[in-house]
Amino acid sequence: MKIATLTANLANFDKVVDPVAQNLPKGIEEIFFYRFTDKNFPPIKGLTPRLQYRIPKLFGWEMVPGYDIYIWLDGSMSLIQPDAVEWFLKKLGKNDVALFRHPWRKTIREETDHIEEKLQKKGKYITSRYENGLHKEQLAVCLADPDFKDKILYTSTAFIYRNNKRIQKAMKMWWYHQSRYFTCDQIALPYVIFKSKLKVGVIKEDQFNIPYISMVSKHK
């Protein structure tokens, strides 16, 4: 079994910090690390770096093929302990994907309300991204499904997944939501998981307070 750890830093948005060399867990043949940059994934005309960034985040299994399991890390995060991959594998277990539960908000409605609150306060990082209001439209689409229950919010900064057909279908659906609404990718994630019938390992630890990964770059 082989594992690929992927990240991206487009338009030099983040400070680059390579992950700590990883121990090879039992049964794992290879742990491969790859970072997408403007050199190996040049700017696509008509796409902002933020939207282009989400292509390898969702389609790393196509762009760096041949691996059984993928770990995604946003450019602001890095692996800081040699047993970090092993820890992620334990969290994945037999599930399709393992995701951190959001440490501060519990539902996609709360996430949308948080964005609205920041917009009212003219938050510099929030305003330029969300002033078009598409996050509210996206929320409405998800909540319009009578079978969907808004009861959990995940972070999407770091996660691990198996390269199987269920995941591939889910990533394509997640891309639809992200390209259609170009808003916070966390809003659609629980709905995508529900529609794709993914088996999720919920990581209850706070991703910002564990010894295995750390934020190494703050947003400009």
N, C-alpha and C. Protein backbone atom coordinates (compact mmCIF):
# COMPACT_ATOMS: atom_id res chain seq x y z
N MET A 1 0.84 -1.19 0.00
CA MET A 1 0.00 0.00 0.00
C MET A 1 0.88 1.24 0.00
N LYS A 2 0.50 2.22 -0.80
CA LYS A 2 1.30 3.43 -0.94
C LYS A 2 0.47 4.66 -0.58
N ILE A 3 1.13 5.65 0.01
CA ILE A 3 0.46 6.87 0.48
C ILE A 3 1.11 8.08 -0.16
N ALA A 4 0.28 9.03 -0.60
CA ALA A 4 0.78 10.32 -1.09
C ALA A 4 0.27 11.42 -0.19
N THR A 5 1.16 12.28 0.24
CA THR A 5 0.81 13.47 1.00
C THR A 5 0.94 14.66 0.07
N LEU A 6 -0.15 15.39 -0.12
CA LEU A 6 -0.20 16.47 -1.10
C LEU A 6 -0.47 17.80 -0.42
N THR A 7 0.09 18.85 -1.01
CA THR A 7 -0.19 20.21 -0.56
C THR A 7 -0.02 21.13 -1.77
N ALA A 8 -0.29 22.41 -1.58
CA ALA A 8 -0.14 23.37 -2.68
C ALA A 8 0.20 24.74 -2.12
N ASN A 9 0.98 25.46 -2.91
CA ASN A 9 1.28 26.86 -2.60
C ASN A 9 1.31 27.60 -3.92
N LEU A 10 0.16 28.13 -4.31
CA LEU A 10 0.03 28.86 -5.56
C LEU A 10 0.09 30.35 -5.31
N ALA A 11 0.71 31.08 -6.23
CA ALA A 11 0.90 32.53 -6.11
C ALA A 11 1.65 32.89 -4.84
N ASN A 12 2.49 31.96 -4.36
CA ASN A 12 3.30 32.19 -3.16
C ASN A 12 2.45 32.69 -1.99
N PHE A 13 1.28 32.07 -1.84
CA PHE A 13 0.34 32.52 -0.81
C PHE A 13 0.83 32.18 0.59
N ASP A 14 1.52 31.05 0.74
CA ASP A 14 1.95 30.58 2.05
C ASP A 14 3.46 30.51 2.17
N LYS A 15 3.93 30.55 3.38
CA LYS A 15 5.34 30.28 3.67
C LYS A 15 5.55 28.78 3.52
N VAL A 16 6.56 28.37 2.78
CA VAL A 16 6.79 26.96 2.50
C VAL A 16 7.57 26.32 3.64
N VAL A 17 6.98 25.29 4.23
CA VAL A 17 7.64 24.50 5.28
C VAL A 17 7.45 23.03 4.94
N ASP A 18 8.55 22.34 4.62
CA ASP A 18 8.46 20.93 4.27
C ASP A 18 8.08 20.10 5.50
N PRO A 19 7.37 19.00 5.29
CA PRO A 19 7.01 18.14 6.42
C PRO A 19 8.22 17.39 6.96
N VAL A 20 8.14 17.02 8.21
CA VAL A 20 9.17 16.17 8.81
C VAL A 20 9.15 14.81 8.12
N ALA A 21 10.34 14.24 7.88
CA ALA A 21 10.42 12.91 7.28
C ALA A 21 9.63 11.92 8.12
N GLN A 22 8.85 11.06 7.43
CA GLN A 22 7.92 10.19 8.13
C GLN A 22 8.44 8.76 8.30
N ASN A 23 8.09 8.18 9.45
CA ASN A 23 8.32 6.76 9.66
C ASN A 23 7.43 5.98 8.69
N LEU A 24 7.88 4.82 8.31
CA LEU A 24 7.09 3.99 7.40
C LEU A 24 6.30 2.98 8.23
N PRO A 25 4.99 3.19 8.35
CA PRO A 25 4.17 2.26 9.15
C PRO A 25 4.18 0.86 8.56
N LYS A 26 3.87 -0.11 9.37
CA LYS A 26 3.81 -1.50 8.93
C LYS A 26 2.79 -1.65 7.82
N GLY A 27 3.18 -2.32 6.74
CA GLY A 27 2.28 -2.56 5.62
C GLY A 27 2.28 -1.45 4.58
N ILE A 28 3.04 -0.38 4.81
CA ILE A 28 3.11 0.74 3.87
C ILE A 28 4.43 0.67 3.10
N GLU A 29 4.34 0.65 1.78
CA GLU A 29 5.53 0.54 0.95
C GLU A 29 6.21 1.89 0.73
N GLU A 30 5.40 2.96 0.66
CA GLU A 30 5.96 4.25 0.27
C GLU A 30 5.09 5.38 0.84
N ILE A 31 5.74 6.45 1.25
CA ILE A 31 5.07 7.71 1.58
C ILE A 31 5.69 8.79 0.71
N PHE A 32 4.92 9.29 -0.21
CA PHE A 32 5.41 10.26 -1.20
C PHE A 32 4.84 11.64 -0.88
N PHE A 33 5.69 12.66 -0.96
CA PHE A 33 5.25 14.03 -0.70
C PHE A 33 5.34 14.84 -1.98
N TYR A 34 4.29 15.62 -2.27
CA TYR A 34 4.29 16.44 -3.48
C TYR A 34 3.60 17.77 -3.18
N ARG A 35 4.26 18.87 -3.62
CA ARG A 35 3.70 20.21 -3.45
C ARG A 35 3.43 20.82 -4.83
N PHE A 36 2.20 21.24 -5.06
CA PHE A 36 1.85 21.95 -6.28
C PHE A 36 2.24 23.42 -6.13
N THR A 37 2.92 23.94 -7.16
CA THR A 37 3.36 25.34 -7.16
C THR A 37 3.06 25.95 -8.53
N ASP A 38 3.38 27.22 -8.68
CA ASP A 38 3.19 27.87 -9.97
C ASP A 38 4.09 27.28 -11.05
N LYS A 39 5.16 26.59 -10.64
CA LYS A 39 6.08 25.99 -11.61
C LYS A 39 5.54 24.68 -12.18
N ASN A 40 5.02 23.81 -11.29
CA ASN A 40 4.54 22.52 -11.79
C ASN A 40 3.04 22.51 -12.04
N PHE A 41 2.34 23.56 -11.65
CA PHE A 41 0.91 23.72 -11.93
C PHE A 41 0.66 25.19 -12.25
N PRO A 42 1.14 25.64 -13.43
CA PRO A 42 1.13 27.07 -13.78
C PRO A 42 -0.27 27.68 -13.71
N PRO A 43 -0.34 29.00 -13.48
CA PRO A 43 -1.63 29.68 -13.40
C PRO A 43 -2.51 29.40 -14.61
N ILE A 44 -3.78 29.12 -14.36
CA ILE A 44 -4.76 28.87 -15.40
C ILE A 44 -5.50 30.17 -15.69
N LYS A 45 -5.43 30.63 -16.90
CA LYS A 45 -6.06 31.88 -17.26
C LYS A 45 -7.56 31.82 -16.97
N GLY A 46 -8.05 32.81 -16.26
CA GLY A 46 -9.48 32.87 -15.95
C GLY A 46 -9.82 32.34 -14.57
N LEU A 47 -8.86 31.67 -13.90
CA LEU A 47 -9.10 31.17 -12.55
C LEU A 47 -8.27 31.97 -11.55
N THR A 48 -8.87 32.29 -10.42
CA THR A 48 -8.08 32.88 -9.35
C THR A 48 -7.20 31.80 -8.75
N PRO A 49 -6.07 32.16 -8.12
CA PRO A 49 -5.25 31.15 -7.46
C PRO A 49 -6.03 30.33 -6.44
N ARG A 50 -6.98 30.98 -5.76
CA ARG A 50 -7.76 30.27 -4.74
C ARG A 50 -8.60 29.16 -5.34
N LEU A 51 -9.23 29.42 -6.48
CA LEU A 51 -10.04 28.38 -7.11
C LEU A 51 -9.16 27.31 -7.75
N GLN A 52 -8.06 27.72 -8.37
CA GLN A 52 -7.15 26.75 -8.96
C GLN A 52 -6.58 25.83 -7.89
N TYR A 53 -6.32 26.39 -6.72
CA TYR A 53 -5.78 25.64 -5.58
C TYR A 53 -6.66 24.45 -5.23
N ARG A 54 -7.95 24.60 -5.45
CA ARG A 54 -8.88 23.55 -5.05
C ARG A 54 -8.89 22.36 -6.02
N ILE A 55 -8.28 22.53 -7.18
CA ILE A 55 -8.22 21.42 -8.12
C ILE A 55 -7.35 20.29 -7.57
N PRO A 56 -6.09 20.53 -7.19
CA PRO A 56 -5.32 19.42 -6.61
C PRO A 56 -5.87 18.97 -5.26
N LYS A 57 -6.53 19.87 -4.55
CA LYS A 57 -7.11 19.49 -3.26
C LYS A 57 -8.17 18.41 -3.44
N LEU A 58 -8.94 18.50 -4.53
CA LEU A 58 -10.01 17.55 -4.78
C LEU A 58 -9.64 16.45 -5.77
N PHE A 59 -8.65 16.74 -6.62
CA PHE A 59 -8.33 15.78 -7.68
C PHE A 59 -6.87 15.34 -7.64
N GLY A 60 -6.27 15.36 -6.48
CA GLY A 60 -4.91 14.87 -6.34
C GLY A 60 -4.77 13.42 -6.75
N TRP A 61 -5.83 12.65 -6.55
CA TRP A 61 -5.82 11.23 -6.93
C TRP A 61 -5.72 11.04 -8.44
N GLU A 62 -6.07 12.07 -9.23
CA GLU A 62 -5.88 12.03 -10.68
C GLU A 62 -4.55 12.65 -11.09
N MET A 63 -4.17 13.72 -10.40
CA MET A 63 -2.99 14.48 -10.80
C MET A 63 -1.69 13.82 -10.34
N VAL A 64 -1.75 13.10 -9.23
CA VAL A 64 -0.61 12.31 -8.74
C VAL A 64 -1.15 10.89 -8.56
N PRO A 65 -1.33 10.17 -9.66
CA PRO A 65 -2.01 8.87 -9.60
C PRO A 65 -1.14 7.75 -9.03
N GLY A 66 -1.81 6.63 -8.72
CA GLY A 66 -1.07 5.42 -8.37
C GLY A 66 -0.94 5.17 -6.89
N TYR A 67 -1.65 5.95 -6.06
CA TYR A 67 -1.55 5.77 -4.62
C TYR A 67 -2.88 5.28 -4.05
N ASP A 68 -2.79 4.52 -2.98
CA ASP A 68 -3.98 3.92 -2.36
C ASP A 68 -4.66 4.88 -1.40
N ILE A 69 -3.86 5.69 -0.74
CA ILE A 69 -4.37 6.62 0.27
C ILE A 69 -3.70 7.98 0.05
N TYR A 70 -4.49 9.03 0.22
CA TYR A 70 -3.98 10.39 0.07
C TYR A 70 -4.23 11.18 1.34
N ILE A 71 -3.25 11.99 1.70
CA ILE A 71 -3.41 12.96 2.78
C ILE A 71 -3.29 14.33 2.15
N TRP A 72 -4.28 15.18 2.40
CA TRP A 72 -4.22 16.56 1.93
C TRP A 72 -3.91 17.49 3.08
N LEU A 73 -2.99 18.44 2.84
CA LEU A 73 -2.68 19.50 3.78
C LEU A 73 -2.76 20.83 3.06
N ASP A 74 -3.58 21.76 3.54
CA ASP A 74 -3.54 23.11 3.00
C ASP A 74 -2.12 23.66 3.16
N GLY A 75 -1.77 24.63 2.34
CA GLY A 75 -0.42 25.17 2.35
C GLY A 75 0.00 25.77 3.67
N SER A 76 -0.97 26.12 4.49
CA SER A 76 -0.66 26.72 5.79
C SER A 76 -0.27 25.69 6.85
N MET A 77 -0.43 24.39 6.52
CA MET A 77 -0.19 23.32 7.49
C MET A 77 0.98 22.44 7.07
N SER A 78 1.57 21.76 8.06
CA SER A 78 2.64 20.82 7.74
C SER A 78 2.69 19.73 8.80
N LEU A 79 3.25 18.58 8.43
CA LEU A 79 3.46 17.48 9.36
C LEU A 79 4.70 17.78 10.20
N ILE A 80 4.57 17.71 11.51
CA ILE A 80 5.68 18.14 12.37
C ILE A 80 6.23 17.02 13.26
N GLN A 81 5.69 15.82 13.11
CA GLN A 81 6.21 14.67 13.86
C GLN A 81 6.41 13.50 12.90
N PRO A 82 7.41 12.65 13.12
CA PRO A 82 7.70 11.55 12.19
C PRO A 82 6.62 10.47 12.17
N ASP A 83 5.72 10.46 13.15
CA ASP A 83 4.65 9.46 13.17
C ASP A 83 3.30 10.08 12.81
N ALA A 84 3.31 11.25 12.14
CA ALA A 84 2.06 11.94 11.80
C ALA A 84 1.23 11.13 10.80
N VAL A 85 1.87 10.57 9.77
CA VAL A 85 1.13 9.77 8.79
C VAL A 85 0.53 8.54 9.46
N GLU A 86 1.28 7.92 10.34
CA GLU A 86 0.77 6.76 11.07
C GLU A 86 -0.46 7.14 11.89
N TRP A 87 -0.42 8.31 12.51
CA TRP A 87 -1.56 8.81 13.29
C TRP A 87 -2.77 9.01 12.40
N PHE A 88 -2.58 9.61 11.24
CA PHE A 88 -3.68 9.81 10.30
C PHE A 88 -4.28 8.46 9.87
N LEU A 89 -3.41 7.48 9.62
CA LEU A 89 -3.89 6.16 9.21
C LEU A 89 -4.79 5.53 10.27
N LYS A 90 -4.42 5.69 11.52
CA LYS A 90 -5.24 5.15 12.60
C LYS A 90 -6.60 5.84 12.64
N LYS A 91 -6.62 7.14 12.37
CA LYS A 91 -7.88 7.88 12.36
C LYS A 91 -8.75 7.46 11.18
N LEU A 92 -8.12 7.11 10.06
CA LEU A 92 -8.87 6.66 8.90
C LEU A 92 -9.51 5.30 9.15
N GLY A 93 -8.76 4.39 9.76
CA GLY A 93 -9.28 3.05 10.02
C GLY A 93 -9.76 2.41 8.73
N LYS A 94 -10.99 1.89 8.74
CA LYS A 94 -11.56 1.27 7.56
C LYS A 94 -12.53 2.19 6.82
N ASN A 95 -12.53 3.46 7.18
CA ASN A 95 -13.44 4.42 6.57
C ASN A 95 -12.94 4.89 5.21
N ASP A 96 -13.81 5.61 4.50
CA ASP A 96 -13.42 6.20 3.22
C ASP A 96 -12.58 7.45 3.43
N VAL A 97 -12.87 8.19 4.47
CA VAL A 97 -12.22 9.47 4.73
C VAL A 97 -12.23 9.74 6.23
N ALA A 98 -11.24 10.46 6.69
CA ALA A 98 -11.21 10.93 8.08
C ALA A 98 -11.05 12.45 8.06
N LEU A 99 -11.93 13.12 8.80
CA LEU A 99 -11.98 14.58 8.81
C LEU A 99 -12.03 15.11 10.24
N PHE A 100 -11.41 16.25 10.44
CA PHE A 100 -11.49 16.91 11.74
C PHE A 100 -12.86 17.55 11.92
N ARG A 101 -13.47 17.33 13.05
CA ARG A 101 -14.67 18.07 13.42
C ARG A 101 -14.26 19.51 13.69
N HIS A 102 -15.06 20.46 13.23
CA HIS A 102 -14.72 21.87 13.42
C HIS A 102 -14.64 22.19 14.91
N PRO A 103 -13.56 22.86 15.35
CA PRO A 103 -13.38 23.09 16.79
C PRO A 103 -14.29 24.16 17.39
N TRP A 104 -14.88 25.02 16.55
CA TRP A 104 -15.62 26.16 17.09
C TRP A 104 -17.08 26.21 16.68
N ARG A 105 -17.42 25.64 15.54
CA ARG A 105 -18.81 25.68 15.08
C ARG A 105 -19.29 24.28 14.77
N LYS A 106 -20.61 24.06 14.91
CA LYS A 106 -21.15 22.71 14.88
C LYS A 106 -21.94 22.36 13.63
N THR A 107 -22.39 23.34 12.87
CA THR A 107 -23.23 23.07 11.70
C THR A 107 -22.85 23.98 10.55
N ILE A 108 -23.34 23.64 9.34
CA ILE A 108 -23.07 24.51 8.20
C ILE A 108 -23.86 25.81 8.31
N ARG A 109 -24.98 25.78 9.01
CA ARG A 109 -25.71 27.04 9.24
C ARG A 109 -24.90 27.97 10.13
N GLU A 110 -24.26 27.42 11.16
CA GLU A 110 -23.41 28.24 12.03
C GLU A 110 -22.24 28.82 11.24
N GLU A 111 -21.69 28.04 10.33
CA GLU A 111 -20.58 28.53 9.51
C GLU A 111 -21.03 29.69 8.63
N THR A 112 -22.21 29.56 8.04
CA THR A 112 -22.74 30.63 7.20
C THR A 112 -23.03 31.87 8.03
N ASP A 113 -23.59 31.70 9.21
CA ASP A 113 -23.85 32.83 10.11
C ASP A 113 -22.55 33.52 10.51
N HIS A 114 -21.50 32.72 10.69
CA HIS A 114 -20.20 33.29 11.05
C HIS A 114 -19.67 34.18 9.92
N ILE A 115 -19.83 33.71 8.68
CA ILE A 115 -19.40 34.51 7.53
C ILE A 115 -20.20 35.81 7.49
N GLU A 116 -21.50 35.73 7.72
CA GLU A 116 -22.34 36.94 7.72
C GLU A 116 -21.91 37.92 8.80
N GLU A 117 -21.58 37.40 9.95
CA GLU A 117 -21.12 38.27 11.04
C GLU A 117 -19.83 38.99 10.67
N LYS A 118 -18.90 38.25 10.06
CA LYS A 118 -17.64 38.86 9.65
C LYS A 118 -17.86 39.90 8.54
N LEU A 119 -18.81 39.62 7.66
CA LEU A 119 -19.13 40.60 6.61
C LEU A 119 -19.65 41.90 7.21
N GLN A 120 -20.49 41.78 8.21
CA GLN A 120 -21.03 42.97 8.87
C GLN A 120 -19.93 43.81 9.50
N LYS A 121 -18.88 43.14 9.94
CA LYS A 121 -17.76 43.83 10.58
C LYS A 121 -16.68 44.24 9.56
N LYS A 122 -16.95 43.97 8.28
CA LYS A 122 -16.03 44.33 7.19
C LYS A 122 -14.66 43.68 7.36
N GLY A 123 -14.67 42.42 7.77
CA GLY A 123 -13.41 41.70 7.92
C GLY A 123 -12.67 41.64 6.59
N LYS A 124 -11.41 42.04 6.59
CA LYS A 124 -10.64 42.16 5.35
C LYS A 124 -10.53 40.82 4.62
N TYR A 125 -10.26 39.74 5.35
CA TYR A 125 -10.07 38.44 4.73
C TYR A 125 -11.39 37.88 4.22
N ILE A 126 -12.47 38.18 4.91
CA ILE A 126 -13.78 37.64 4.58
C ILE A 126 -14.48 38.43 3.47
N THR A 127 -14.44 39.75 3.55
CA THR A 127 -15.26 40.59 2.68
C THR A 127 -15.01 40.34 1.19
N SER A 128 -13.76 40.29 0.80
CA SER A 128 -13.44 40.15 -0.63
C SER A 128 -13.89 38.80 -1.19
N ARG A 129 -14.05 37.81 -0.31
CA ARG A 129 -14.38 36.46 -0.76
C ARG A 129 -15.89 36.18 -0.76
N TYR A 130 -16.62 36.82 0.14
CA TYR A 130 -17.99 36.39 0.38
C TYR A 130 -19.05 37.48 0.21
N GLU A 131 -18.64 38.65 -0.24
CA GLU A 131 -19.62 39.73 -0.32
C GLU A 131 -20.67 39.50 -1.41
N ASN A 132 -20.45 38.53 -2.31
CA ASN A 132 -21.45 38.23 -3.33
C ASN A 132 -22.63 37.43 -2.77
N GLY A 133 -22.50 36.91 -1.56
CA GLY A 133 -23.62 36.25 -0.91
C GLY A 133 -23.90 34.83 -1.34
N LEU A 134 -23.03 34.23 -2.16
CA LEU A 134 -23.29 32.89 -2.67
C LEU A 134 -23.25 31.83 -1.57
N HIS A 135 -22.60 32.14 -0.44
CA HIS A 135 -22.58 31.18 0.66
C HIS A 135 -23.99 30.93 1.20
N LYS A 136 -24.82 31.95 1.17
CA LYS A 136 -26.21 31.78 1.63
C LYS A 136 -27.02 30.94 0.64
N GLU A 137 -26.75 31.13 -0.64
CA GLU A 137 -27.44 30.33 -1.66
C GLU A 137 -27.02 28.87 -1.55
N GLN A 138 -25.74 28.65 -1.32
CA GLN A 138 -25.25 27.28 -1.19
C GLN A 138 -25.87 26.60 0.03
N LEU A 139 -25.93 27.31 1.14
CA LEU A 139 -26.57 26.77 2.34
C LEU A 139 -28.01 26.37 2.05
N ALA A 140 -28.74 27.23 1.36
CA ALA A 140 -30.15 26.97 1.06
C ALA A 140 -30.30 25.71 0.22
N VAL A 141 -29.39 25.50 -0.73
CA VAL A 141 -29.45 24.32 -1.58
C VAL A 141 -29.27 23.05 -0.73
N CYS A 142 -28.32 23.07 0.17
CA CYS A 142 -28.08 21.90 1.02
C CYS A 142 -29.26 21.63 1.94
N LEU A 143 -29.78 22.68 2.56
CA LEU A 143 -30.87 22.51 3.52
C LEU A 143 -32.20 22.20 2.86
N ALA A 144 -32.29 22.42 1.55
CA ALA A 144 -33.54 22.13 0.83
C ALA A 144 -33.78 20.63 0.69
N ASP A 145 -32.75 19.83 0.89
CA ASP A 145 -32.90 18.38 0.81
C ASP A 145 -33.53 17.90 2.12
N PRO A 146 -34.74 17.38 2.11
CA PRO A 146 -35.42 17.01 3.35
C PRO A 146 -34.76 15.86 4.10
N ASP A 147 -33.92 15.09 3.41
CA ASP A 147 -33.26 13.95 4.05
C ASP A 147 -31.93 14.32 4.70
N PHE A 148 -31.43 15.51 4.41
CA PHE A 148 -30.14 15.94 4.96
C PHE A 148 -30.35 16.59 6.32
N LYS A 149 -29.56 16.17 7.30
CA LYS A 149 -29.61 16.73 8.64
C LYS A 149 -28.34 17.53 8.91
N ASP A 150 -28.52 18.81 9.20
CA ASP A 150 -27.39 19.70 9.46
C ASP A 150 -26.95 19.54 10.91
N LYS A 151 -26.04 18.59 11.15
CA LYS A 151 -25.68 18.28 12.53
C LYS A 151 -24.17 18.20 12.78
N ILE A 152 -23.34 18.48 11.76
CA ILE A 152 -21.90 18.47 11.98
C ILE A 152 -21.23 19.38 10.96
N LEU A 153 -20.12 19.97 11.38
CA LEU A 153 -19.28 20.78 10.49
C LEU A 153 -17.86 20.25 10.59
N TYR A 154 -17.25 20.04 9.45
CA TYR A 154 -15.87 19.58 9.41
C TYR A 154 -14.96 20.72 8.97
N THR A 155 -13.69 20.61 9.31
CA THR A 155 -12.69 21.47 8.68
C THR A 155 -12.17 20.73 7.45
N SER A 156 -11.62 21.47 6.51
CA SER A 156 -11.07 20.83 5.30
C SER A 156 -9.60 21.18 5.12
N THR A 157 -8.97 21.64 6.17
CA THR A 157 -7.57 22.04 6.11
C THR A 157 -6.64 20.85 5.94
N ALA A 158 -6.97 19.75 6.60
CA ALA A 158 -6.15 18.54 6.53
C ALA A 158 -7.08 17.34 6.64
N PHE A 159 -6.91 16.38 5.73
CA PHE A 159 -7.74 15.18 5.80
C PHE A 159 -7.05 14.03 5.06
N ILE A 160 -7.52 12.82 5.32
CA ILE A 160 -6.98 11.62 4.71
C ILE A 160 -8.12 10.84 4.07
N TYR A 161 -7.86 10.26 2.88
CA TYR A 161 -8.93 9.52 2.22
C TYR A 161 -8.37 8.37 1.40
N ARG A 162 -9.23 7.37 1.18
CA ARG A 162 -8.89 6.24 0.33
C ARG A 162 -9.21 6.58 -1.12
N ASN A 163 -8.42 6.06 -2.01
CA ASN A 163 -8.66 6.30 -3.44
C ASN A 163 -9.62 5.23 -3.96
N ASN A 164 -10.93 5.45 -3.71
CA ASN A 164 -11.92 4.49 -4.20
C ASN A 164 -13.00 5.24 -4.98
N LYS A 165 -13.93 4.52 -5.56
CA LYS A 165 -14.94 5.12 -6.43
C LYS A 165 -15.88 6.04 -5.66
N ARG A 166 -16.18 5.71 -4.41
CA ARG A 166 -17.06 6.56 -3.61
C ARG A 166 -16.41 7.93 -3.38
N ILE A 167 -15.13 7.91 -3.05
CA ILE A 167 -14.41 9.16 -2.83
C ILE A 167 -14.32 9.96 -4.12
N GLN A 168 -14.01 9.30 -5.22
CA GLN A 168 -13.90 10.01 -6.49
C GLN A 168 -15.22 10.68 -6.86
N LYS A 169 -16.32 10.00 -6.65
CA LYS A 169 -17.63 10.59 -6.90
C LYS A 169 -17.87 11.78 -5.99
N ALA A 170 -17.51 11.64 -4.73
CA ALA A 170 -17.70 12.73 -3.77
C ALA A 170 -16.86 13.95 -4.11
N MET A 171 -15.61 13.74 -4.53
CA MET A 171 -14.74 14.86 -4.88
C MET A 171 -15.29 15.63 -6.08
N LYS A 172 -15.86 14.90 -7.04
CA LYS A 172 -16.44 15.57 -8.20
C LYS A 172 -17.66 16.40 -7.80
N MET A 173 -18.45 15.87 -6.89
CA MET A 173 -19.61 16.62 -6.40
C MET A 173 -19.15 17.84 -5.60
N TRP A 174 -18.13 17.67 -4.79
CA TRP A 174 -17.59 18.78 -3.99
C TRP A 174 -17.05 19.87 -4.92
N TRP A 175 -16.41 19.45 -6.01
CA TRP A 175 -15.92 20.44 -6.98
C TRP A 175 -17.08 21.21 -7.60
N TYR A 176 -18.16 20.52 -7.92
CA TYR A 176 -19.33 21.22 -8.46
C TYR A 176 -19.75 22.35 -7.51
N HIS A 177 -19.88 22.05 -6.23
CA HIS A 177 -20.30 23.07 -5.27
C HIS A 177 -19.28 24.20 -5.18
N GLN A 178 -17.99 23.86 -5.21
CA GLN A 178 -16.97 24.89 -5.04
C GLN A 178 -16.87 25.78 -6.28
N SER A 179 -17.00 25.20 -7.45
CA SER A 179 -16.91 26.02 -8.66
C SER A 179 -18.22 26.78 -8.91
N ARG A 180 -19.34 26.18 -8.52
CA ARG A 180 -20.64 26.82 -8.72
C ARG A 180 -20.83 28.01 -7.79
N TYR A 181 -20.45 27.84 -6.53
CA TYR A 181 -20.71 28.89 -5.55
C TYR A 181 -19.44 29.63 -5.12
N PHE A 182 -18.27 29.02 -5.35
CA PHE A 182 -16.98 29.63 -5.00
C PHE A 182 -17.03 30.31 -3.64
N THR A 183 -17.38 29.53 -2.65
CA THR A 183 -17.48 30.03 -1.31
C THR A 183 -16.70 29.10 -0.38
N CYS A 184 -16.98 29.15 0.88
CA CYS A 184 -16.29 28.31 1.86
C CYS A 184 -16.51 26.83 1.55
N ASP A 185 -15.46 26.08 1.29
CA ASP A 185 -15.64 24.69 0.90
C ASP A 185 -16.21 23.82 2.01
N GLN A 186 -16.15 24.32 3.25
CA GLN A 186 -16.66 23.56 4.38
C GLN A 186 -18.19 23.52 4.42
N ILE A 187 -18.84 24.48 3.79
CA ILE A 187 -20.30 24.53 3.84
C ILE A 187 -20.91 23.32 3.14
N ALA A 188 -20.40 22.98 1.97
CA ALA A 188 -20.99 21.87 1.20
C ALA A 188 -20.50 20.50 1.65
N LEU A 189 -19.40 20.44 2.39
CA LEU A 189 -18.76 19.15 2.66
C LEU A 189 -19.68 18.14 3.36
N PRO A 190 -20.38 18.49 4.45
CA PRO A 190 -21.26 17.49 5.07
C PRO A 190 -22.37 17.01 4.14
N TYR A 191 -22.85 17.90 3.29
CA TYR A 191 -23.90 17.52 2.35
C TYR A 191 -23.34 16.57 1.29
N VAL A 192 -22.17 16.85 0.80
CA VAL A 192 -21.52 15.98 -0.19
C VAL A 192 -21.29 14.59 0.40
N ILE A 193 -20.82 14.55 1.63
CA ILE A 193 -20.60 13.26 2.30
C ILE A 193 -21.91 12.49 2.43
N PHE A 194 -22.98 13.19 2.80
CA PHE A 194 -24.30 12.57 2.93
C PHE A 194 -24.77 12.00 1.59
N LYS A 195 -24.65 12.78 0.52
CA LYS A 195 -25.13 12.34 -0.78
C LYS A 195 -24.28 11.20 -1.35
N SER A 196 -23.02 11.18 -1.01
CA SER A 196 -22.11 10.16 -1.55
C SER A 196 -22.05 8.91 -0.68
N LYS A 197 -22.71 8.97 0.48
CA LYS A 197 -22.76 7.82 1.40
C LYS A 197 -21.36 7.39 1.84
N LEU A 198 -20.51 8.37 2.10
CA LEU A 198 -19.16 8.06 2.55
C LEU A 198 -19.16 7.62 4.01
N LYS A 199 -18.25 6.70 4.32
CA LYS A 199 -18.00 6.32 5.70
C LYS A 199 -16.91 7.24 6.24
N VAL A 200 -17.25 7.98 7.30
CA VAL A 200 -16.35 9.03 7.80
C VAL A 200 -15.82 8.68 9.18
N GLY A 201 -14.51 8.79 9.31
CA GLY A 201 -13.90 8.75 10.63
C GLY A 201 -13.80 10.17 11.14
N VAL A 202 -14.54 10.49 12.19
CA VAL A 202 -14.56 11.85 12.72
C VAL A 202 -13.40 12.02 13.71
N ILE A 203 -12.51 12.94 13.39
CA ILE A 203 -11.37 13.23 14.27
C ILE A 203 -11.82 14.30 15.26
N LYS A 204 -11.92 13.94 16.52
CA LYS A 204 -12.48 14.83 17.53
C LYS A 204 -11.45 15.80 18.10
N GLU A 205 -10.17 15.48 17.91
CA GLU A 205 -9.14 16.39 18.41
C GLU A 205 -9.17 17.72 17.66
N ASP A 206 -8.78 18.79 18.33
CA ASP A 206 -8.67 20.10 17.71
C ASP A 206 -7.43 20.11 16.82
N GLN A 207 -7.62 20.32 15.52
CA GLN A 207 -6.49 20.25 14.59
C GLN A 207 -5.43 21.30 14.89
N PHE A 208 -5.79 22.35 15.62
CA PHE A 208 -4.82 23.40 15.93
C PHE A 208 -4.09 23.14 17.25
N ASN A 209 -4.41 22.02 17.90
CA ASN A 209 -3.78 21.72 19.19
C ASN A 209 -3.45 20.24 19.32
N ILE A 210 -2.78 19.71 18.30
CA ILE A 210 -2.30 18.34 18.36
C ILE A 210 -0.82 18.35 17.98
N PRO A 211 -0.07 17.33 18.39
CA PRO A 211 1.38 17.34 18.15
C PRO A 211 1.80 16.90 16.75
N TYR A 212 0.86 16.49 15.90
CA TYR A 212 1.23 15.88 14.63
C TYR A 212 1.27 16.86 13.46
N ILE A 213 0.37 17.83 13.46
CA ILE A 213 0.36 18.85 12.42
C ILE A 213 0.31 20.22 13.07
N SER A 214 0.74 21.21 12.32
CA SER A 214 0.72 22.56 12.89
C SER A 214 0.56 23.58 11.76
N MET A 215 -0.03 24.72 12.11
CA MET A 215 -0.09 25.82 11.17
C MET A 215 1.27 26.48 11.11
N VAL A 216 1.85 26.49 9.94
CA VAL A 216 3.19 27.04 9.78
C VAL A 216 3.19 28.35 8.98
N SER A 217 2.01 28.72 8.47
CA SER A 217 1.91 29.95 7.68
C SER A 217 0.56 30.58 7.93
N LYS A 218 0.53 31.86 8.20
CA LYS A 218 -0.72 32.57 8.41
C LYS A 218 -1.12 33.27 7.12
N HIS A 219 -2.45 33.40 6.92
CA HIS A 219 -2.93 34.06 5.71
C HIS A 219 -2.44 35.50 5.65
N LYS A 220 -2.07 35.90 4.45
CA LYS A 220 -1.63 37.27 4.25
C LYS A 220 -2.80 38.22 4.32
